[in-house]
């Protein structure tokens, strides 16, 4: 876990064997970040505030929880981008169960020749994933996964729904990963 420092002591045992003693020195279980950068879109103002919170072992299962948030700083009411996301994973032997999700919204005013119109929208996503590690050694790791995900987007131009930019998708995935 990111908030732990583990050391291994090799101790003598009976009949020339060895015994391994693991010492887990727990550091802070909660870490975070708050700051600003200029990576936002030009229309909503380049500057945005960001925050991140990482919590190690919140449920006591060697799990990890990550929360992220961002908001453009130029104007709260006119042009903005906002987002929130989370990721939570629980390991169990060769298995891990993860859930993640996000929500983002935007609003932008567009100047036209004789009028100004508003474009706005949102997207949310939620997913559940399970991984099984079936092979692991000092040079490689292989796992199988299954994932179910739902995404819903809505986009509006001058209060009219843009159907092409407003899909609702549900996907199921089964896959294999190998890293060497």
C-alpha atoms as a PDB file:
ATOM      1  CA  UNK A   1       0.000   0.000   0.000  1.00  0.00           C
ATOM      2  CA  UNK A   2       1.290   3.493  -0.742  1.00  0.00           C
ATOM      3  CA  UNK A   3       1.038   4.561   2.917  1.00  0.00           C
ATOM      4  CA  UNK A   4       3.128   1.677   4.241  1.00  0.00           C
ATOM      5  CA  UNK A   5       6.817   0.906   4.412  1.00  0.00           C
ATOM      6  CA  UNK A   6       7.453  -2.836   4.665  1.00  0.00           C
ATOM      7  CA  UNK A   7      10.809  -4.336   5.565  1.00  0.00           C
ATOM      8  CA  UNK A   8      11.756  -8.018   5.643  1.00  0.00           C
ATOM      9  CA  UNK A   9      14.109  -9.530   8.209  1.00  0.00           C
ATOM     10  CA  UNK A  10      15.675 -12.930   7.466  1.00  0.00           C
ATOM     11  CA  UNK A  11      15.986 -14.927  10.707  1.00  0.00           C
ATOM     12  CA  UNK A  12      17.613 -18.320  11.336  1.00  0.00           C
ATOM     13  CA  UNK A  13      15.253 -21.210  12.061  1.00  0.00           C
ATOM     14  CA  UNK A  14      15.575 -24.935  12.802  1.00  0.00           C
ATOM     15  CA  UNK A  15      17.585 -27.310  10.603  1.00  0.00           C
ATOM     16  CA  UNK A  16      19.284 -24.551   8.608  1.00  0.00           C
ATOM     17  CA  UNK A  17      16.007 -23.099   7.380  1.00  0.00           C
ATOM     18  CA  UNK A  18      15.150 -19.423   7.462  1.00  0.00           C
ATOM     19  CA  UNK A  19      12.189 -17.506   8.757  1.00  0.00           C
ATOM     20  CA  UNK A  20      10.948 -14.275   7.195  1.00  0.00           C
ATOM     21  CA  UNK A  21       9.712 -11.531   9.489  1.00  0.00           C
ATOM     22  CA  UNK A  22       7.715  -8.741   7.853  1.00  0.00           C
ATOM     23  CA  UNK A  23       7.603  -5.397   9.623  1.00  0.00           C
ATOM     24  CA  UNK A  24       4.938  -3.000   8.369  1.00  0.00           C
ATOM     25  CA  UNK A  25       5.735   0.573   9.373  1.00  0.00           C
ATOM     26  CA  UNK A  26       2.551   2.447   8.604  1.00  0.00           C
ATOM     27  CA  UNK A  27       2.963   6.006   7.426  1.00  0.00           C
ATOM     28  CA  UNK A  28       0.094   8.417   7.001  1.00  0.00           C
ATOM     29  CA  UNK A  29      -3.026   6.669   5.702  1.00  0.00           C
ATOM     30  CA  UNK A  30      -4.407   9.907   4.298  1.00  0.00           C
ATOM     31  CA  UNK A  31      -2.590  11.999   1.718  1.00  0.00           C
ATOM     32  CA  UNK A  32      -3.812  14.748  -0.508  1.00  0.00           C
ATOM     33  CA  UNK A  33      -3.129  17.648  -2.774  1.00  0.00           C
ATOM     34  CA  UNK A  34      -4.737  21.012  -3.396  1.00  0.00           C
ATOM     35  CA  UNK A  35      -3.540  23.404  -6.053  1.00  0.00           C
ATOM     36  CA  UNK A  36      -4.094  25.370  -9.219  1.00  0.00           C
ATOM     37  CA  UNK A  37      -2.873  25.069 -12.787  1.00  0.00           C
ATOM     38  CA  UNK A  38      -3.561  26.567 -16.205  1.00  0.00           C
ATOM     39  CA  UNK A  39      -4.609  23.368 -18.024  1.00  0.00           C
ATOM     40  CA  UNK A  40      -8.361  24.117 -18.265  1.00  0.00           C
ATOM     41  CA  UNK A  41     -10.019  24.931 -21.586  1.00  0.00           C
ATOM     42  CA  UNK A  42      -9.456  28.370 -23.064  1.00  0.00           C
ATOM     43  CA  UNK A  43     -13.191  29.148 -23.211  1.00  0.00           C
ATOM     44  CA  UNK A  44     -13.752  28.544 -19.480  1.00  0.00           C
ATOM     45  CA  UNK A  45     -10.555  30.311 -18.456  1.00  0.00           C
ATOM     46  CA  UNK A  46      -7.254  28.533 -18.299  1.00  0.00           C
ATOM     47  CA  UNK A  47      -6.959  28.494 -14.522  1.00  0.00           C
ATOM     48  CA  UNK A  48      -8.548  25.703 -12.514  1.00  0.00           C
ATOM     49  CA  UNK A  49      -8.460  24.535  -8.907  1.00  0.00           C
ATOM     50  CA  UNK A  50      -7.766  20.861  -8.252  1.00  0.00           C
ATOM     51  CA  UNK A  51      -7.889  18.625  -5.236  1.00  0.00           C
ATOM     52  CA  UNK A  52      -7.000  15.007  -4.579  1.00  0.00           C
ATOM     53  CA  UNK A  53      -7.502  12.823  -1.513  1.00  0.00           C
ATOM     54  CA  UNK A  54      -5.986   9.337  -1.170  1.00  0.00           C
ATOM     55  CA  UNK A  55      -7.018   7.093   1.722  1.00  0.00           C
ATOM     56  CA  UNK A  56      -5.171   3.830   2.357  1.00  0.00           C
ATOM     57  CA  UNK A  57      -7.077   1.011   4.033  1.00  0.00           C
ATOM     58  CA  UNK A  58     -10.367   2.882   4.722  1.00  0.00           C
ATOM     59  CA  UNK A  59     -12.311  -0.383   5.259  1.00  0.00           C
ATOM     60  CA  UNK A  60      -9.457  -2.362   6.839  1.00  0.00           C
ATOM     61  CA  UNK A  61      -9.073  -4.743   3.857  1.00  0.00           C
ATOM     62  CA  UNK A  62      -5.803  -3.288   2.455  1.00  0.00           C
ATOM     63  CA  UNK A  63      -8.058  -1.307   0.138  1.00  0.00           C
ATOM     64  CA  UNK A  64      -7.393   2.092  -1.410  1.00  0.00           C
ATOM     65  CA  UNK A  65      -9.726   5.013  -2.113  1.00  0.00           C
ATOM     66  CA  UNK A  66      -8.861   7.917  -4.418  1.00  0.00           C
ATOM     67  CA  UNK A  67     -10.990  11.061  -4.815  1.00  0.00           C
ATOM     68  CA  UNK A  68     -10.331  13.873  -7.323  1.00  0.00           C
ATOM     69  CA  UNK A  69     -12.102  17.179  -7.938  1.00  0.00           C
ATOM     70  CA  UNK A  70     -11.479  20.149 -10.240  1.00  0.00           C
ATOM     71  CA  UNK A  71     -13.241  23.416 -11.067  1.00  0.00           C
ATOM     72  CA  UNK A  72     -12.378  26.216 -13.484  1.00  0.00           C
ATOM     73  CA  UNK A  73     -11.738  29.543 -11.766  1.00  0.00           C
ATOM     74  CA  UNK A  74     -12.638  32.226 -14.300  1.00  0.00           C
ATOM     75  CA  UNK A  75     -16.354  32.480 -13.627  1.00  0.00           C
ATOM     76  CA  UNK A  76     -18.679  30.413 -11.490  1.00  0.00           C
ATOM     77  CA  UNK A  77     -21.866  31.277 -13.431  1.00  0.00           C
ATOM     78  CA  UNK A  78     -20.916  31.923 -17.072  1.00  0.00           C
ATOM     79  CA  UNK A  79     -18.267  29.572 -18.463  1.00  0.00           C
ATOM     80  CA  UNK A  80     -17.067  26.679 -16.325  1.00  0.00           C
ATOM     81  CA  UNK A  81     -15.818  23.105 -16.197  1.00  0.00           C
ATOM     82  CA  UNK A  82     -16.296  20.949 -13.091  1.00  0.00           C
ATOM     83  CA  UNK A  83     -15.397  17.345 -12.448  1.00  0.00           C
ATOM     84  CA  UNK A  84     -15.357  14.761  -9.677  1.00  0.00           C
ATOM     85  CA  UNK A  85     -14.018  11.206  -9.813  1.00  0.00           C
ATOM     86  CA  UNK A  86     -13.365   8.317  -7.449  1.00  0.00           C
ATOM     87  CA  UNK A  87     -11.648   4.938  -7.561  1.00  0.00           C
ATOM     88  CA  UNK A  88     -11.857   2.257  -4.846  1.00  0.00           C
ATOM     89  CA  UNK A  89     -10.107  -1.095  -4.986  1.00  0.00           C
ATOM     90  CA  UNK A  90     -10.166  -4.039  -2.575  1.00  0.00           C
ATOM     91  CA  UNK A  91      -7.573  -6.822  -3.009  1.00  0.00           C
ATOM     92  CA  UNK A  92      -8.298 -10.369  -1.834  1.00  0.00           C
ATOM     93  CA  UNK A  93      -5.534 -12.875  -2.528  1.00  0.00           C
ATOM     94  CA  UNK A  94      -5.274 -13.282  -6.299  1.00  0.00           C
ATOM     95  CA  UNK A  95      -8.485 -11.270  -6.778  1.00  0.00           C
ATOM     96  CA  UNK A  96      -9.249  -7.565  -6.689  1.00  0.00           C
ATOM     97  CA  UNK A  97     -12.602  -5.816  -6.850  1.00  0.00           C
ATOM     98  CA  UNK A  98     -12.698  -2.212  -8.042  1.00  0.00           C
ATOM     99  CA  UNK A  99     -15.362   0.393  -8.501  1.00  0.00           C
ATOM    100  CA  UNK A 100     -14.918   3.771 -10.103  1.00  0.00           C
ATOM    101  CA  UNK A 101     -16.988   6.653 -11.291  1.00  0.00           C
ATOM    102  CA  UNK A 102     -16.921  10.231 -12.440  1.00  0.00           C
ATOM    103  CA  UNK A 103     -19.154  13.214 -13.048  1.00  0.00           C
ATOM    104  CA  UNK A 104     -18.282  16.256 -15.138  1.00  0.00           C
ATOM    105  CA  UNK A 105     -20.282  19.253 -16.262  1.00  0.00           C
ATOM    106  CA  UNK A 106     -19.620  22.318 -18.370  1.00  0.00           C
ATOM    107  CA  UNK A 107     -21.286  25.531 -19.469  1.00  0.00           C
ATOM    108  CA  UNK A 108     -20.075  27.907 -22.149  1.00  0.00           C
ATOM    109  CA  UNK A 109     -21.524  31.020 -23.775  1.00  0.00           C
ATOM    110  CA  UNK A 110     -20.862  31.360 -27.492  1.00  0.00           C
ATOM    111  CA  UNK A 111     -20.987  34.798 -29.123  1.00  0.00           C
ATOM    112  CA  UNK A 112     -22.723  34.791 -32.503  1.00  0.00           C
ATOM    113  CA  UNK A 113     -23.125  37.695 -34.927  1.00  0.00           C
ATOM    114  CA  UNK A 114     -26.432  38.981 -33.491  1.00  0.00           C
ATOM    115  CA  UNK A 115     -26.917  36.880 -30.387  1.00  0.00           C
ATOM    116  CA  UNK A 116     -25.186  34.876 -27.679  1.00  0.00           C
ATOM    117  CA  UNK A 117     -26.111  31.236 -27.110  1.00  0.00           C
ATOM    118  CA  UNK A 118     -25.307  28.815 -24.346  1.00  0.00           C
ATOM    119  CA  UNK A 119     -23.834  25.357 -24.682  1.00  0.00           C
ATOM    120  CA  UNK A 120     -23.868  23.084 -21.648  1.00  0.00           C
ATOM    121  CA  UNK A 121     -23.771  19.441 -20.730  1.00  0.00           C
ATOM    122  CA  UNK A 122     -22.734  16.711 -18.368  1.00  0.00           C
ATOM    123  CA  UNK A 123     -21.343  13.190 -18.362  1.00  0.00           C
ATOM    124  CA  UNK A 124     -21.438  10.599 -15.625  1.00  0.00           C
ATOM    125  CA  UNK A 125     -19.780   7.203 -15.531  1.00  0.00           C
ATOM    126  CA  UNK A 126     -19.933   4.277 -13.094  1.00  0.00           C
ATOM    127  CA  UNK A 127     -18.165   0.940 -13.331  1.00  0.00           C
ATOM    128  CA  UNK A 128     -17.474  -2.274 -11.452  1.00  0.00           C
ATOM    129  CA  UNK A 129     -14.458  -4.460 -12.237  1.00  0.00           C
ATOM    130  CA  UNK A 130     -12.986  -7.723 -10.981  1.00  0.00           C
ATOM    131  CA  UNK A 131      -9.437  -8.917 -11.725  1.00  0.00           C
ATOM    132  CA  UNK A 132      -7.893 -12.349 -11.149  1.00  0.00           C
ATOM    133  CA  UNK A 133      -4.099 -12.776 -11.266  1.00  0.00           C
ATOM    134  CA  UNK A 134      -3.434 -16.270 -12.608  1.00  0.00           C
ATOM    135  CA  UNK A 135       0.329 -16.022 -13.188  1.00  0.00           C
ATOM    136  CA  UNK A 136       3.011 -13.960 -11.517  1.00  0.00           C
ATOM    137  CA  UNK A 137       6.768 -14.256 -11.258  1.00  0.00           C
ATOM    138  CA  UNK A 138       9.767 -11.937 -11.008  1.00  0.00           C
ATOM    139  CA  UNK A 139       9.533 -10.965 -14.705  1.00  0.00           C
ATOM    140  CA  UNK A 140       5.836 -10.983 -15.592  1.00  0.00           C
ATOM    141  CA  UNK A 141       2.257 -10.841 -14.396  1.00  0.00           C
ATOM    142  CA  UNK A 142      -0.913 -12.047 -16.131  1.00  0.00           C
ATOM    143  CA  UNK A 143      -4.516 -11.471 -15.152  1.00  0.00           C
ATOM    144  CA  UNK A 144      -8.077 -11.907 -16.356  1.00  0.00           C
ATOM    145  CA  UNK A 145     -10.714  -9.238 -15.839  1.00  0.00           C
ATOM    146  CA  UNK A 146     -14.410  -8.636 -16.241  1.00  0.00           C
ATOM    147  CA  UNK A 147     -15.896  -5.131 -16.176  1.00  0.00           C
ATOM    148  CA  UNK A 148     -19.372  -3.617 -16.360  1.00  0.00           C
ATOM    149  CA  UNK A 149     -19.622   0.109 -17.115  1.00  0.00           C
ATOM    150  CA  UNK A 150     -22.390   2.655 -17.674  1.00  0.00           C
ATOM    151  CA  UNK A 151     -21.890   6.111 -19.217  1.00  0.00           C
ATOM    152  CA  UNK A 152     -24.534   8.774 -19.737  1.00  0.00           C
ATOM    153  CA  UNK A 153     -23.957  12.118 -21.480  1.00  0.00           C
ATOM    154  CA  UNK A 154     -26.242  15.029 -22.268  1.00  0.00           C
ATOM    155  CA  UNK A 155     -25.241  18.005 -24.388  1.00  0.00           C
ATOM    156  CA  UNK A 156     -27.401  21.070 -25.024  1.00  0.00           C
ATOM    157  CA  UNK A 157     -27.098  23.945 -27.478  1.00  0.00           C
ATOM    158  CA  UNK A 158     -29.366  26.922 -26.734  1.00  0.00           C
ATOM    159  CA  UNK A 159     -31.492  24.657 -24.463  1.00  0.00           C
ATOM    160  CA  UNK A 160     -32.013  22.082 -27.249  1.00  0.00           C
ATOM    161  CA  UNK A 161     -30.738  18.559 -26.661  1.00  0.00           C
ATOM    162  CA  UNK A 162     -28.068  17.451 -29.159  1.00  0.00           C
ATOM    163  CA  UNK A 163     -28.915  13.764 -29.564  1.00  0.00           C
ATOM    164  CA  UNK A 164     -25.688  12.820 -31.346  1.00  0.00           C
ATOM    165  CA  UNK A 165     -23.654  14.109 -28.382  1.00  0.00           C
ATOM    166  CA  UNK A 166     -25.964  12.622 -25.726  1.00  0.00           C
ATOM    167  CA  UNK A 167     -25.439   8.859 -25.678  1.00  0.00           C
ATOM    168  CA  UNK A 168     -26.179   6.407 -22.908  1.00  0.00           C
ATOM    169  CA  UNK A 169     -23.889   3.395 -23.099  1.00  0.00           C
ATOM    170  CA  UNK A 170     -23.639   0.195 -21.115  1.00  0.00           C
ATOM    171  CA  UNK A 171     -20.633  -1.996 -21.823  1.00  0.00           C
ATOM    172  CA  UNK A 172     -19.407  -5.343 -20.558  1.00  0.00           C
ATOM    173  CA  UNK A 173     -15.798  -6.357 -21.071  1.00  0.00           C
ATOM    174  CA  UNK A 174     -13.851  -9.544 -20.560  1.00  0.00           C
ATOM    175  CA  UNK A 175     -10.138  -9.489 -21.151  1.00  0.00           C
ATOM    176  CA  UNK A 176      -6.671 -10.691 -20.395  1.00  0.00           C
ATOM    177  CA  UNK A 177      -3.588  -8.623 -19.576  1.00  0.00           C
ATOM    178  CA  UNK A 178       0.024  -9.737 -19.643  1.00  0.00           C
ATOM    179  CA  UNK A 179       2.887  -7.485 -18.571  1.00  0.00           C
ATOM    180  CA  UNK A 180       6.490  -8.524 -18.997  1.00  0.00           C
END
